Amino acid sequence: MKYRWDKKYLYWGITTFAVVVASVCFYYLLFHGSTFSKSFRNLVSITMPIIDGLVVAYLLTPVMNMIENKCIIPLWHAMKLDLNDSGKKKIRFFSIILTLIVVCTLIYGFFSMVIPQLIKSVQSIILQFPIYINNFSIWITKLLSDNPDIESFANDMLNQYSADIEKWLNQSLLPQMNTLLKSLSLSLLSFVKSLWNLIIGFIISIYLLSSKELFSGQCKKVVYAFFETKTANSIIDNLRYIHKTFSGFLGGKILDSIIIGIICFVCTSFIGTPYPVLISVIVGVTNIIPFFGPYIGAVPSAILILLVNPLQCLYFIIFILILQQFDGNFLGPKILGNSTGMSGFWVIFAITLFGGLWGVFGMLIGVPTFAVLLTGFKAVCNHMLTKKGLSTTTSLYTEVHEICGSEFIAKDSAIKKEENRKSILYFIKQLIKKLFDKKNK
């Protein structure tokens, strides 16, 4: 007798197995979370060269596509060469070579101009730091002598907290110097290891760039194999949206920060700010972080300028405020547009949340990541509202008091409706009362 396989039992078996596995995983995460976290960090550490390669390939892909489509392919057609499989491989090879040459030239040119200036600035700061401290002390003394009230307040605060400061230096800071030196040594080793991983990742990125269409096709093939066609189409569309959001935001933010750094260098050089190259690099690099980045870069720069020339520090603060207004209201929107589609509140929320989780890296990718999550949540809400036959227009819900069927009733309309209902009930009650009164008579 032939055994008949019932798909229903297979479905329930897979569901039961998935529930048991999920329960075990939840128990393990709940009571052994530290072990899982350590294992996850070890896995990330092992695969870091591959992760670096994926990131580098992702960042180089737009440059390679532009070189390939705008330069190599038109030149290939102009030379009347065959565009067969062999020709496409040659085109891709030359595109990768030119991409690496262009990127490496830009990086070398940038660092060859900036690094000597940075070294010169740092050396000057180290050599003249005692002079800066002395000048700053003289300026503070003069300020206090011209303002006796401030001097009295400062002396009281110094006398009040001097014992606490001395105690902190002797009992907290000095005993921790060995730990600090050990941390610096470990940080140096970590930097060397990260640099080695980046070199390996750079090599991996070349292989990824050379066969990016093949990898993309293989990923799509897997998605269509494991999901229904409609679901697979939806997954691929969502991945395209994620790519568009991240590439648009990160690419636009990098370009915006480069322009801000150049403007900062030109203007600080014009107004005579000390160490314009160093300050412009700090401002430009920190500007990549949305919202908080300009302030993160402005604070140490202002402190450095304050030690050299307090008046120039005031000019610099005014200039930074103007520059950030220009960036936030004109340059940023022109370059980025509305790439995330989020309000200011959600931008601050995303930066705070992901910055707390992953530090500076989280602050950098927090906005596009949260934009994707928020878009997915909106899509789920709209889908559920559509299934219920309700509108997905947000403005209809701002003044809504209740929904009857598919009709949106505003608060004023609901109050009037309630008043009318009460008046009708009052009229009916009065009518019944009069009828009973007549009957009793």
Protein backbone atom coordinates (compact mmCIF):
# COMPACT_ATOMS: atom_id res chain seq x y z
CA MET A 1 0.00 0.00 0.00
CA LYS A 2 1.44 3.37 -1.04
CA TYR A 3 1.92 5.90 1.75
CA ARG A 4 0.20 9.25 1.09
CA TRP A 5 2.08 12.27 2.37
CA ASP A 6 -0.18 14.88 3.93
CA LYS A 7 1.18 18.42 3.53
CA LYS A 8 -0.90 19.56 6.49
CA TYR A 9 1.15 17.43 8.92
CA LEU A 10 4.35 18.67 7.31
CA TYR A 11 3.21 22.28 7.83
CA TRP A 12 2.34 21.68 11.48
CA GLY A 13 5.62 19.83 12.02
CA ILE A 14 7.68 22.69 10.59
CA THR A 15 5.67 25.21 12.63
CA THR A 16 6.20 23.24 15.84
CA PHE A 17 9.91 22.91 15.13
CA ALA A 18 10.19 26.66 14.45
CA VAL A 19 8.36 27.48 17.72
CA VAL A 20 10.66 25.17 19.72
CA VAL A 21 13.79 26.64 18.09
CA ALA A 22 12.53 30.20 18.71
CA SER A 23 11.79 29.35 22.36
CA VAL A 24 15.26 27.87 22.86
CA CYS A 25 16.88 30.90 21.21
CA PHE A 26 14.82 33.28 23.35
CA TYR A 27 15.80 31.39 26.53
CA TYR A 28 19.46 31.42 25.49
CA LEU A 29 19.41 35.14 24.72
CA LEU A 30 17.57 35.93 27.97
CA PHE A 31 19.82 33.99 30.35
CA HIS A 32 23.07 33.71 28.36
CA GLY A 33 23.06 37.01 26.49
CA SER A 34 26.67 37.84 27.36
CA THR A 35 27.91 34.57 25.83
CA PHE A 36 25.89 35.22 22.68
CA SER A 37 27.19 38.80 22.50
CA LYS A 38 30.78 37.59 22.86
CA SER A 39 30.29 34.96 20.15
CA PHE A 40 28.73 37.55 17.87
CA ARG A 41 31.65 39.95 18.39
CA ASN A 42 34.11 37.16 17.64
CA LEU A 43 32.22 36.34 14.44
CA VAL A 44 32.26 40.00 13.39
CA SER A 45 35.98 40.21 14.17
CA ILE A 46 36.71 37.15 12.03
CA THR A 47 34.61 38.35 9.09
CA MET A 48 35.74 41.99 9.32
CA PRO A 49 37.92 41.81 6.15
CA ILE A 50 34.87 40.60 4.20
CA ILE A 51 32.72 43.34 5.76
CA ASP A 52 35.35 45.93 4.85
CA GLY A 53 35.44 44.55 1.31
CA LEU A 54 31.67 44.82 0.98
CA VAL A 55 31.69 48.40 2.27
CA VAL A 56 34.57 49.46 0.00
CA ALA A 57 32.94 47.80 -3.02
CA TYR A 58 29.62 49.50 -2.20
CA LEU A 59 31.31 52.91 -2.01
CA LEU A 60 33.35 52.38 -5.19
CA THR A 61 30.47 51.03 -7.29
CA PRO A 62 29.01 54.48 -8.25
CA VAL A 63 32.47 55.70 -9.29
CA MET A 64 33.12 52.57 -11.37
CA ASN A 65 29.67 52.74 -13.00
CA MET A 66 30.22 56.38 -13.99
CA ILE A 67 33.66 55.64 -15.48
CA GLU A 68 32.38 52.56 -17.27
CA ASN A 69 29.22 54.15 -18.72
CA LYS A 70 30.60 57.61 -19.46
CA CYS A 71 34.15 56.83 -20.57
CA ILE A 72 35.03 53.20 -21.34
CA ILE A 73 31.89 52.05 -23.20
CA PRO A 74 31.66 55.17 -25.46
CA LEU A 75 35.38 54.81 -26.23
CA TRP A 76 34.81 51.11 -26.95
CA HIS A 77 32.03 51.97 -29.41
CA ALA A 78 34.14 54.73 -30.99
CA MET A 79 36.92 52.21 -31.62
CA LYS A 80 34.28 49.83 -33.13
CA LEU A 81 35.27 46.93 -30.93
CA ASP A 82 33.05 43.93 -30.25
CA LEU A 83 30.84 44.10 -27.15
CA ASN A 84 30.73 40.34 -26.55
CA ASP A 85 31.49 38.51 -23.31
CA SER A 86 35.22 38.91 -23.80
CA GLY A 87 34.77 42.60 -24.56
CA LYS A 88 32.62 43.14 -21.45
CA LYS A 89 35.30 41.52 -19.29
CA LYS A 90 37.92 43.82 -20.77
CA ILE A 91 35.67 46.84 -20.22
CA ARG A 92 35.14 45.86 -16.60
CA PHE A 93 38.90 45.31 -16.12
CA PHE A 94 39.77 48.76 -17.46
CA SER A 95 36.93 50.33 -15.44
CA ILE A 96 38.24 48.82 -12.19
CA ILE A 97 41.80 49.91 -12.98
CA LEU A 98 40.72 53.49 -13.74
CA THR A 99 38.50 53.56 -10.64
CA LEU A 100 41.39 52.50 -8.41
CA ILE A 101 43.70 55.04 -10.08
CA VAL A 102 41.19 57.88 -9.67
CA VAL A 103 40.32 57.03 -6.05
CA CYS A 104 43.92 56.44 -4.99
CA THR A 105 45.01 59.67 -6.71
CA LEU A 106 42.31 61.67 -4.94
CA ILE A 107 43.14 60.13 -1.56
CA TYR A 108 46.88 60.66 -2.08
CA GLY A 109 46.35 64.23 -3.27
CA PHE A 110 44.12 65.03 -0.30
CA PHE A 111 46.47 63.58 2.30
CA SER A 112 49.58 65.00 0.61
CA MET A 113 48.09 68.48 0.98
CA VAL A 114 46.44 68.05 4.37
CA ILE A 115 48.79 65.79 6.35
CA PRO A 116 51.87 68.12 6.19
CA GLN A 117 49.69 71.03 7.27
CA LEU A 118 48.18 68.97 10.08
CA ILE A 119 51.62 67.85 11.29
CA LYS A 120 52.85 71.43 11.14
CA SER A 121 49.82 72.64 13.08
CA VAL A 122 50.13 69.93 15.75
CA GLN A 123 53.87 70.58 16.15
CA SER A 124 53.20 74.30 16.49
CA ILE A 125 50.52 73.64 19.10
CA ILE A 126 52.85 71.40 21.12
CA LEU A 127 55.77 73.84 20.96
CA GLN A 128 53.74 76.94 21.72
CA PHE A 129 51.29 75.39 24.16
CA PRO A 130 53.02 76.88 27.24
CA ILE A 131 52.85 80.31 25.56
CA TYR A 132 49.16 79.81 24.80
CA ILE A 133 48.50 78.83 28.42
CA ASN A 134 50.41 81.85 29.66
CA ASN A 135 48.56 84.20 27.30
CA PHE A 136 45.25 82.66 28.30
CA SER A 137 46.14 83.08 31.99
CA ILE A 138 47.04 86.73 31.42
CA TRP A 139 43.76 87.28 29.58
CA ILE A 140 41.79 85.62 32.39
CA THR A 141 43.65 87.66 35.01
CA LYS A 142 42.96 90.89 33.16
CA LEU A 143 39.32 89.94 32.73
CA LEU A 144 38.97 89.21 36.44
CA SER A 145 40.80 92.36 37.51
CA ASP A 146 38.45 94.48 35.42
CA ASN A 147 35.44 92.69 36.94
CA PRO A 148 35.80 92.29 40.73
CA ASP A 149 32.48 90.48 41.08
CA ILE A 150 33.55 87.76 38.65
CA GLU A 151 36.95 87.50 40.35
CA SER A 152 35.34 87.05 43.76
CA PHE A 153 32.98 84.40 42.41
CA ALA A 154 35.84 82.54 40.67
CA ASN A 155 37.99 82.56 43.82
CA ASP A 156 35.12 81.23 45.91
CA MET A 157 34.48 78.44 43.43
CA LEU A 158 38.19 77.60 43.25
CA ASN A 159 38.53 77.48 47.05
CA GLN A 160 35.40 75.40 47.32
CA TYR A 161 36.36 72.77 44.75
CA SER A 162 40.17 72.81 44.94
CA ALA A 163 40.21 70.06 47.58
CA ASP A 164 37.88 67.91 45.48
CA ILE A 165 40.00 68.46 42.37
CA GLU A 166 43.21 67.56 44.24
CA LYS A 167 41.56 64.45 45.65
CA TRP A 168 40.38 63.42 42.19
CA LEU A 169 43.87 63.90 40.73
CA ASN A 170 45.60 61.88 43.47
CA GLN A 171 43.07 59.10 43.98
CA SER A 172 41.45 58.72 40.56
CA LEU A 173 43.50 60.08 37.70
CA LEU A 174 47.08 59.14 38.70
CA PRO A 175 46.29 55.51 39.68
CA GLN A 176 44.59 55.09 36.32
CA MET A 177 47.63 56.13 34.27
CA ASN A 178 48.84 52.54 33.89
CA THR A 179 45.42 51.51 32.70
CA LEU A 180 45.40 54.46 30.30
CA LEU A 181 48.78 53.50 28.84
CA LYS A 182 47.61 49.91 28.46
CA SER A 183 44.48 51.10 26.68
CA LEU A 184 46.57 53.25 24.33
CA SER A 185 48.78 50.24 23.49
CA LEU A 186 45.73 48.09 22.80
CA SER A 187 44.24 50.88 20.69
CA LEU A 188 47.44 51.03 18.62
CA LEU A 189 47.34 47.26 18.06
CA SER A 190 43.66 47.50 17.17
CA PHE A 191 44.45 50.25 14.65
CA VAL A 192 47.16 48.12 13.00
CA LYS A 193 44.78 45.16 12.85
CA SER A 194 42.01 47.35 11.38
CA LEU A 195 44.44 48.67 8.78
CA TRP A 196 45.41 45.11 7.81
CA ASN A 197 41.73 44.10 7.58
CA LEU A 198 41.11 47.14 5.39
CA ILE A 199 43.91 46.14 3.02
CA ILE A 200 42.49 42.63 2.70
CA GLY A 201 39.01 44.11 2.31
CA PHE A 202 40.31 46.35 -0.49
CA ILE A 203 41.54 43.26 -2.34
CA ILE A 204 38.19 41.51 -1.75
CA SER A 205 36.35 44.56 -3.09
CA ILE A 206 38.14 44.19 -6.45
CA TYR A 207 36.73 40.68 -6.84
CA LEU A 208 33.29 41.95 -5.84
CA LEU A 209 33.42 44.80 -8.36
CA SER A 210 34.54 42.51 -11.17
CA SER A 211 31.54 40.17 -10.71
CA LYS A 212 28.90 42.41 -9.13
CA GLU A 213 26.25 41.49 -11.71
CA LEU A 214 26.87 37.79 -11.10
CA PHE A 215 26.52 38.19 -7.31
CA SER A 216 23.40 40.29 -7.77
CA GLY A 217 21.87 37.67 -10.05
CA GLN A 218 22.70 34.86 -7.61
CA CYS A 219 21.07 36.74 -4.73
CA LYS A 220 17.92 37.37 -6.78
CA LYS A 221 17.88 33.70 -7.78
CA VAL A 222 17.93 32.65 -4.12
CA VAL A 223 15.11 35.07 -3.25
CA TYR A 224 12.89 33.80 -6.07
CA ALA A 225 13.71 30.20 -5.15
CA PHE A 226 12.63 30.47 -1.49
CA PHE A 227 9.68 32.90 -1.81
CA GLU A 228 6.61 33.24 -3.97
CA THR A 229 7.04 35.49 -6.98
CA LYS A 230 4.94 38.33 -5.56
CA THR A 231 6.78 38.22 -2.21
CA ALA A 232 10.16 38.01 -3.95
CA ASN A 233 9.32 41.05 -6.09
CA SER A 234 8.38 42.96 -2.94
CA ILE A 235 11.63 41.95 -1.19
CA ILE A 236 13.76 43.05 -4.15
CA ASP A 237 11.88 46.37 -4.42
CA ASN A 238 12.47 46.99 -0.71
CA LEU A 239 16.18 46.22 -1.12
CA ARG A 240 16.34 48.70 -3.99
CA TYR A 241 14.72 51.31 -1.75
CA ILE A 242 17.25 50.58 1.01
CA HIS A 243 20.10 50.94 -1.48
CA LYS A 244 18.66 54.20 -2.80
CA THR A 245 18.23 55.61 0.73
CA PHE A 246 21.71 54.67 1.95
CA SER A 247 23.60 55.59 -1.22
CA GLY A 248 21.74 58.88 -1.61
CA PHE A 249 22.21 59.91 2.01
CA LEU A 250 25.82 58.79 2.51
CA GLY A 251 27.03 60.02 -0.88
CA GLY A 252 25.25 63.34 -0.51
CA LYS A 253 26.49 63.81 3.06
CA ILE A 254 30.10 63.13 2.06
CA LEU A 255 29.87 65.65 -0.81
CA ASP A 256 28.19 68.16 1.50
CA SER A 257 30.95 67.75 4.11
CA ILE A 258 33.70 68.20 1.51
CA ILE A 259 32.12 71.47 0.33
CA ILE A 260 31.66 72.68 3.92
CA GLY A 261 35.31 71.87 4.69
CA ILE A 262 36.51 73.83 1.64
CA ILE A 263 34.29 76.82 2.50
CA CYS A 264 35.54 76.69 6.09
CA PHE A 265 39.17 76.68 4.94
CA VAL A 266 38.68 79.65 2.58
CA CYS A 267 36.79 81.75 5.13
CA THR A 268 39.02 80.95 8.14
CA SER A 269 42.10 81.76 6.06
CA PHE A 270 40.50 85.07 5.04
CA ILE A 271 39.60 86.15 8.59
CA GLY A 272 42.97 85.03 9.95
CA THR A 273 41.87 82.10 12.14
CA PRO A 274 44.81 80.10 13.55
CA TYR A 275 45.42 76.66 12.04
CA PRO A 276 42.82 76.92 9.24
CA VAL A 277 43.68 73.54 7.68
CA LEU A 278 43.40 71.62 10.95
CA ILE A 279 40.14 73.34 11.91
CA SER A 280 38.63 72.89 8.42
CA VAL A 281 39.43 69.16 8.48
CA ILE A 282 37.81 68.81 11.92
CA VAL A 283 34.70 70.73 10.82
CA GLY A 284 34.42 68.88 7.50
CA VAL A 285 34.87 65.39 8.97
CA THR A 286 32.45 65.90 11.87
CA ASN A 287 29.90 67.47 9.51
CA ILE A 288 29.25 63.96 8.14
CA ILE A 289 27.36 63.25 11.39
CA PRO A 290 23.88 64.76 10.97
CA PHE A 291 22.62 67.49 13.31
CA PHE A 292 25.18 67.03 16.13
CA GLY A 293 28.25 66.85 13.85
CA PRO A 294 28.76 70.62 13.37
CA TYR A 295 28.72 71.20 17.12
CA ILE A 296 31.02 68.23 17.79
CA GLY A 297 33.58 69.74 15.43
CA ALA A 298 33.09 73.37 16.48
CA VAL A 299 33.67 72.84 20.23
CA PRO A 300 37.30 71.52 20.14
CA SER A 301 38.15 73.96 17.35
CA ALA A 302 36.82 76.88 19.37
CA ILE A 303 38.76 75.77 22.45
CA LEU A 304 41.98 75.54 20.40
CA ILE A 305 41.45 79.03 18.94
CA LEU A 306 40.56 80.39 22.39
CA LEU A 307 43.99 79.39 23.69
CA VAL A 308 45.67 81.26 20.82
CA ASN A 309 43.44 84.29 20.37
CA PRO A 310 40.16 84.76 22.30
CA LEU A 311 38.90 87.41 19.87
CA GLN A 312 39.44 85.08 16.90
CA CYS A 313 37.48 82.45 18.84
CA LEU A 314 34.50 84.80 18.92
CA TYR A 315 34.81 85.41 15.16
CA PHE A 316 35.05 81.67 14.56
CA ILE A 317 31.91 80.90 16.59
CA ILE A 318 29.95 83.54 14.66
CA PHE A 319 31.27 82.15 11.36
CA ILE A 320 30.37 78.55 12.31
CA LEU A 321 26.81 79.60 13.21
CA ILE A 322 26.44 81.30 9.82
CA LEU A 323 28.04 78.36 8.00
CA GLN A 324 25.74 75.81 9.63
CA GLN A 325 22.68 77.92 8.84
CA PHE A 326 23.83 78.02 5.22
CA ASP A 327 24.41 74.26 5.24
CA GLY A 328 21.16 73.37 7.00
CA ASN A 329 18.87 75.66 5.03
CA PHE A 330 20.45 75.82 1.59
CA LEU A 331 23.39 73.53 0.74
CA GLY A 332 22.20 70.39 2.58
CA PRO A 333 18.66 70.40 1.10
CA LYS A 334 20.05 71.11 -2.39
CA ILE A 335 22.41 68.12 -2.25
CA LEU A 336 20.45 65.65 -0.12
CA GLY A 337 16.93 66.76 -1.07
CA ASN A 338 14.44 64.73 0.95
CA SER A 339 16.42 61.49 0.77
CA THR A 340 15.18 60.23 4.14
CA GLY A 341 11.68 61.73 4.26
CA MET A 342 11.92 62.20 8.05
CA SER A 343 11.07 65.21 10.17
CA GLY A 344 13.61 66.90 12.43
CA PHE A 345 12.32 65.09 15.50
CA TRP A 346 12.86 61.64 13.99
CA VAL A 347 16.34 62.67 12.79
CA ILE A 348 17.35 63.64 16.34
CA PHE A 349 15.69 60.49 17.70
CA ALA A 350 17.58 58.24 15.25
CA ILE A 351 20.94 59.89 15.94
CA THR A 352 20.44 59.66 19.72
CA LEU A 353 19.28 56.03 19.62
CA PHE A 354 21.87 54.60 17.24
CA GLY A 355 24.63 56.82 18.63
CA GLY A 356 23.96 55.34 22.07
CA LEU A 357 24.05 51.83 20.62
CA TRP A 358 27.04 52.05 18.24
CA GLY A 359 28.79 55.33 18.99
CA VAL A 360 29.98 57.55 16.14
CA PHE A 361 29.31 54.82 13.56
CA GLY A 362 25.72 54.62 14.79
CA MET A 363 25.33 58.39 14.51
CA LEU A 364 26.51 58.18 10.89
CA ILE A 365 24.20 55.39 9.71
CA GLY A 366 21.39 56.01 12.19
CA VAL A 367 19.38 58.38 9.98
CA PRO A 368 19.18 56.19 6.82
CA THR A 369 18.68 53.03 8.93
CA PHE A 370 15.81 54.54 10.88
CA ALA A 371 14.37 55.98 7.64
CA VAL A 372 14.18 52.46 6.22
CA LEU A 373 12.61 51.08 9.43
CA LEU A 374 10.10 53.95 9.56
CA THR A 375 9.17 53.43 5.91
CA GLY A 376 8.60 49.71 6.56
CA PHE A 377 6.42 50.48 9.57
CA LYS A 378 4.40 52.98 7.51
CA ALA A 379 3.95 50.39 4.76
CA VAL A 380 2.62 47.83 7.28
CA CYS A 381 0.22 50.39 8.80
CA ASN A 382 -1.05 51.45 5.36
CA HIS A 383 -1.55 47.81 4.37
CA MET A 384 -3.60 47.11 7.49
CA LEU A 385 -5.68 50.27 7.00
CA THR A 386 -6.34 49.35 3.37
CA LYS A 387 -7.53 45.89 4.43
CA LYS A 388 -10.01 47.60 6.77
CA GLY A 389 -11.21 49.92 4.01
CA LEU A 390 -9.81 53.05 5.68
CA SER A 391 -7.88 55.91 4.13
CA THR A 392 -4.10 56.09 4.45
CA THR A 393 -3.99 59.92 4.29
CA THR A 394 -2.55 61.18 7.57
CA SER A 395 -4.27 64.58 7.40
CA LEU A 396 -7.67 62.90 7.75
CA TYR A 397 -6.70 61.56 11.18
CA THR A 398 -5.52 64.85 12.69
CA GLU A 399 -9.00 66.14 13.60
CA VAL A 400 -10.88 62.84 13.64
CA HIS A 401 -13.08 62.11 16.66
CA GLU A 402 -14.46 58.78 15.54
CA ILE A 403 -14.89 56.66 12.42
CA CYS A 404 -18.25 55.26 11.42
CA GLY A 405 -17.79 52.67 8.71
CA SER A 406 -15.42 54.51 6.40
CA GLU A 407 -16.68 57.99 7.32
CA PHE A 408 -14.29 60.24 9.26
CA ILE A 409 -16.17 62.36 11.78
CA ALA A 410 -14.35 65.41 13.13
CA LYS A 411 -14.54 66.51 16.76
CA ASP A 412 -16.86 69.45 16.08
CA SER A 413 -19.16 67.27 13.98
CA ALA A 414 -19.21 64.61 16.70
CA ILE A 415 -20.15 67.18 19.35
CA LYS A 416 -22.95 68.54 17.18
CA LYS A 417 -24.12 65.02 16.43
CA GLU A 418 -24.17 64.22 20.16
CA GLU A 419 -26.07 67.42 20.92
CA ASN A 420 -28.62 66.63 18.20
CA ARG A 421 -29.00 63.12 19.54
CA LYS A 422 -29.56 64.42 23.04
CA SER A 423 -32.09 67.00 21.81
CA ILE A 424 -34.03 64.30 19.93
CA LEU A 425 -34.05 62.09 23.02
CA TYR A 426 -35.19 65.05 25.12
CA PHE A 427 -38.01 65.74 22.66
CA ILE A 428 -39.13 62.10 22.71
CA LYS A 429 -39.04 62.02 26.51
CA GLN A 430 -41.13 65.18 26.73
CA LEU A 431 -43.61 63.79 24.21
CA ILE A 432 -43.99 60.51 26.14
CA LYS A 433 -44.41 62.45 29.37
CA LYS A 434 -47.18 64.57 27.89
CA LEU A 435 -48.96 61.47 26.56
CA PHE A 436 -48.84 59.82 30.00
CA ASP A 437 -50.08 63.00 31.64
CA LYS A 438 -53.07 63.18 29.28
CA LYS A 439 -53.83 59.48 29.89
CA ASN A 440 -53.76 59.96 33.67
CA LYS A 441 -56.11 62.91 33.44
